[in-house]
N, C-alpha and C. Protein backbone atom coordinates (compact mmCIF):
# COMPACT_ATOMS: atom_id res chain seq x y z
N MET A 1 97.32 -34.39 -13.25
CA MET A 1 96.61 -34.91 -12.88
C MET A 1 96.52 -35.93 -14.33
N VAL A 2 96.97 -37.23 -13.91
CA VAL A 2 96.98 -38.74 -14.80
C VAL A 2 95.70 -39.44 -14.74
N TYR A 3 95.45 -39.07 -16.57
CA TYR A 3 93.41 -40.25 -16.76
C TYR A 3 94.25 -41.19 -16.30
N GLY A 4 93.52 -41.81 -16.52
CA GLY A 4 93.54 -43.29 -17.35
C GLY A 4 92.62 -44.28 -17.56
N TYR A 5 92.09 -45.09 -17.55
CA TYR A 5 90.84 -45.96 -18.03
C TYR A 5 89.80 -44.91 -18.72
N THR A 6 89.00 -44.68 -19.03
CA THR A 6 87.44 -44.41 -19.88
C THR A 6 87.06 -45.22 -19.43
N PRO A 7 85.34 -45.08 -19.22
CA PRO A 7 84.28 -46.04 -19.44
C PRO A 7 83.48 -45.73 -21.33
N SER A 8 83.23 -46.58 -21.37
CA SER A 8 82.88 -46.08 -23.05
C SER A 8 81.64 -45.36 -23.07
N PHE A 9 80.39 -45.66 -21.66
CA PHE A 9 79.16 -45.22 -20.94
C PHE A 9 79.04 -43.97 -20.92
N ASP A 10 80.31 -43.73 -20.54
CA ASP A 10 80.28 -41.98 -20.27
C ASP A 10 81.04 -40.87 -19.83
N THR A 11 81.84 -40.60 -21.33
CA THR A 11 83.10 -40.19 -21.43
C THR A 11 83.47 -38.78 -20.74
N SER A 12 82.74 -38.24 -19.79
CA SER A 12 82.84 -37.36 -19.71
C SER A 12 83.41 -37.05 -18.16
N TYR A 13 83.75 -38.48 -17.88
CA TYR A 13 83.88 -38.87 -16.24
C TYR A 13 85.11 -40.05 -16.91
N LYS A 14 86.56 -39.63 -16.09
CA LYS A 14 87.78 -39.88 -15.53
C LYS A 14 88.09 -40.83 -14.76
N PHE A 15 88.97 -41.83 -15.26
CA PHE A 15 89.39 -41.85 -13.33
C PHE A 15 90.54 -41.79 -13.83
N THR A 16 91.23 -41.81 -12.80
CA THR A 16 92.41 -41.46 -12.56
C THR A 16 93.47 -42.79 -12.26
N LEU A 17 94.69 -42.59 -12.35
CA LEU A 17 95.40 -43.61 -12.09
C LEU A 17 95.26 -44.44 -11.34
N GLU A 18 95.61 -43.41 -10.02
CA GLU A 18 95.11 -43.87 -8.17
C GLU A 18 93.79 -44.20 -7.59
N GLU A 19 93.43 -43.80 -8.81
CA GLU A 19 91.78 -44.40 -8.31
C GLU A 19 91.52 -45.33 -9.13
N ILE A 20 92.25 -46.39 -10.30
CA ILE A 20 92.26 -46.79 -10.51
C ILE A 20 93.53 -48.79 -9.60
N ASP A 21 95.05 -47.74 -9.11
CA ASP A 21 95.33 -48.75 -8.58
C ASP A 21 94.79 -49.26 -7.05
N MET A 22 93.78 -48.25 -6.38
CA MET A 22 93.23 -48.30 -4.73
C MET A 22 92.19 -49.31 -5.11
N ALA A 23 91.11 -49.36 -6.37
CA ALA A 23 90.09 -50.15 -6.96
C ALA A 23 90.85 -51.92 -6.60
N LYS A 24 92.33 -51.72 -7.83
CA LYS A 24 92.49 -52.94 -7.31
C LYS A 24 92.91 -53.76 -6.30
N HIS A 25 93.45 -52.83 -5.14
CA HIS A 25 94.26 -52.97 -4.40
C HIS A 25 92.86 -53.95 -3.58
N LYS A 26 91.78 -52.69 -3.87
CA LYS A 26 90.88 -53.28 -2.79
C LYS A 26 89.66 -54.45 -3.28
N ARG A 27 90.17 -55.04 -4.59
CA ARG A 27 89.82 -56.33 -5.17
C ARG A 27 90.60 -57.26 -4.74
N HIS A 28 92.09 -56.72 -4.38
CA HIS A 28 92.69 -57.80 -4.06
C HIS A 28 93.43 -58.45 -2.89
N GLU A 29 92.52 -57.76 -1.47
CA GLU A 29 92.20 -56.99 -0.33
C GLU A 29 90.81 -57.89 0.13
N ARG A 30 89.68 -58.12 -0.53
CA ARG A 30 88.64 -58.76 -0.95
C ARG A 30 89.58 -60.97 -1.42
N ALA A 31 89.53 -60.35 -2.69
CA ALA A 31 90.09 -61.75 -2.72
C ALA A 31 90.89 -62.49 -1.32
N LYS A 32 91.38 -61.99 0.03
CA LYS A 32 92.63 -62.10 0.33
C LYS A 32 91.28 -62.86 1.53
N GLU A 33 90.65 -62.12 1.63
CA GLU A 33 90.03 -62.30 2.86
C GLU A 33 88.98 -63.07 3.09
N LEU A 34 87.92 -63.32 1.37
CA LEU A 34 88.11 -64.51 1.49
C LEU A 34 88.18 -65.88 1.17
N ASP A 35 89.86 -65.84 1.14
CA ASP A 35 90.22 -66.68 0.73
C ASP A 35 90.69 -67.06 2.16
N ARG A 36 91.45 -66.41 2.98
CA ARG A 36 91.57 -66.88 4.74
C ARG A 36 90.13 -67.34 5.09
N ARG A 37 88.78 -66.79 4.37
CA ARG A 37 87.02 -66.54 5.17
C ARG A 37 87.39 -68.68 4.93
N ARG A 38 87.04 -69.27 3.52
CA ARG A 38 87.57 -70.42 3.30
C ARG A 38 87.90 -71.74 3.17
N LYS A 39 89.93 -71.17 3.74
CA LYS A 39 90.64 -71.86 4.85
C LYS A 39 89.66 -71.89 5.99
N ARG A 40 89.85 -71.29 6.43
CA ARG A 40 89.48 -71.52 8.07
C ARG A 40 88.09 -72.64 7.90
N ARG A 41 86.91 -72.31 7.32
CA ARG A 41 85.74 -72.65 7.27
C ARG A 41 85.89 -74.13 6.81
N LYS A 42 87.14 -74.26 5.88
CA LYS A 42 88.09 -75.60 5.76
C LYS A 42 88.31 -76.61 6.68
N GLU A 43 88.96 -76.06 7.42
CA GLU A 43 89.39 -76.31 8.88
C GLU A 43 88.06 -76.60 9.73
N ARG A 44 87.87 -76.65 9.98
CA ARG A 44 86.24 -76.30 11.10
C ARG A 44 85.75 -77.30 10.50
N ILE A 45 85.63 -77.35 9.23
CA ILE A 45 84.71 -78.71 8.93
C ILE A 45 85.50 -80.31 8.88
N LYS A 46 86.93 -79.94 8.82
CA LYS A 46 88.08 -81.06 8.91
C LYS A 46 87.70 -81.18 10.69
N GLU A 47 87.47 -80.34 11.89
CA GLU A 47 87.63 -80.65 12.39
C GLU A 47 86.44 -81.15 13.19
N ARG A 48 85.90 -81.28 13.10
CA ARG A 48 84.74 -81.53 13.12
C ARG A 48 83.78 -83.35 12.77
N ILE A 49 84.92 -83.41 11.54
CA ILE A 49 84.72 -84.73 10.72
C ILE A 49 85.22 -85.14 12.23
N ARG A 50 86.45 -84.96 12.40
CA ARG A 50 87.48 -85.42 13.44
C ARG A 50 87.18 -86.09 15.00
N GLU A 51 86.25 -85.05 15.10
CA GLU A 51 85.62 -85.84 16.54
C GLU A 51 84.70 -86.85 15.74
N ALA A 52 83.73 -86.18 15.06
CA ALA A 52 82.71 -87.79 14.53
C ALA A 52 82.99 -88.83 14.89
N LYS A 53 84.69 -88.80 14.12
CA LYS A 53 85.09 -89.99 14.35
C LYS A 53 85.85 -90.37 15.36
N ALA A 54 86.33 -89.98 16.69
CA ALA A 54 86.99 -89.98 17.61
C ALA A 54 85.63 -90.18 18.52
N ALA A 55 84.43 -89.94 18.55
CA ALA A 55 83.33 -89.78 19.19
C ALA A 55 82.77 -91.79 18.78
N LYS A 56 82.56 -91.94 17.75
CA LYS A 56 81.55 -93.16 16.51
C LYS A 56 82.88 -94.42 17.24
N ALA A 57 84.02 -94.07 17.41
CA ALA A 57 85.26 -94.65 17.41
C ALA A 57 85.42 -95.22 19.21
């Protein structure tokens, strides 16, 4: 087994490189998901503004 990062507060437990890679992957996927949500929200707001302007005119 390959060992990687060891937390300084607990030297009895070590993370494997596979666990570290999986955690990185999960963080990356979560960030992408949040970016997609932000983008969709931004588009919805823009659409509401366009509709409001069209109704006003």
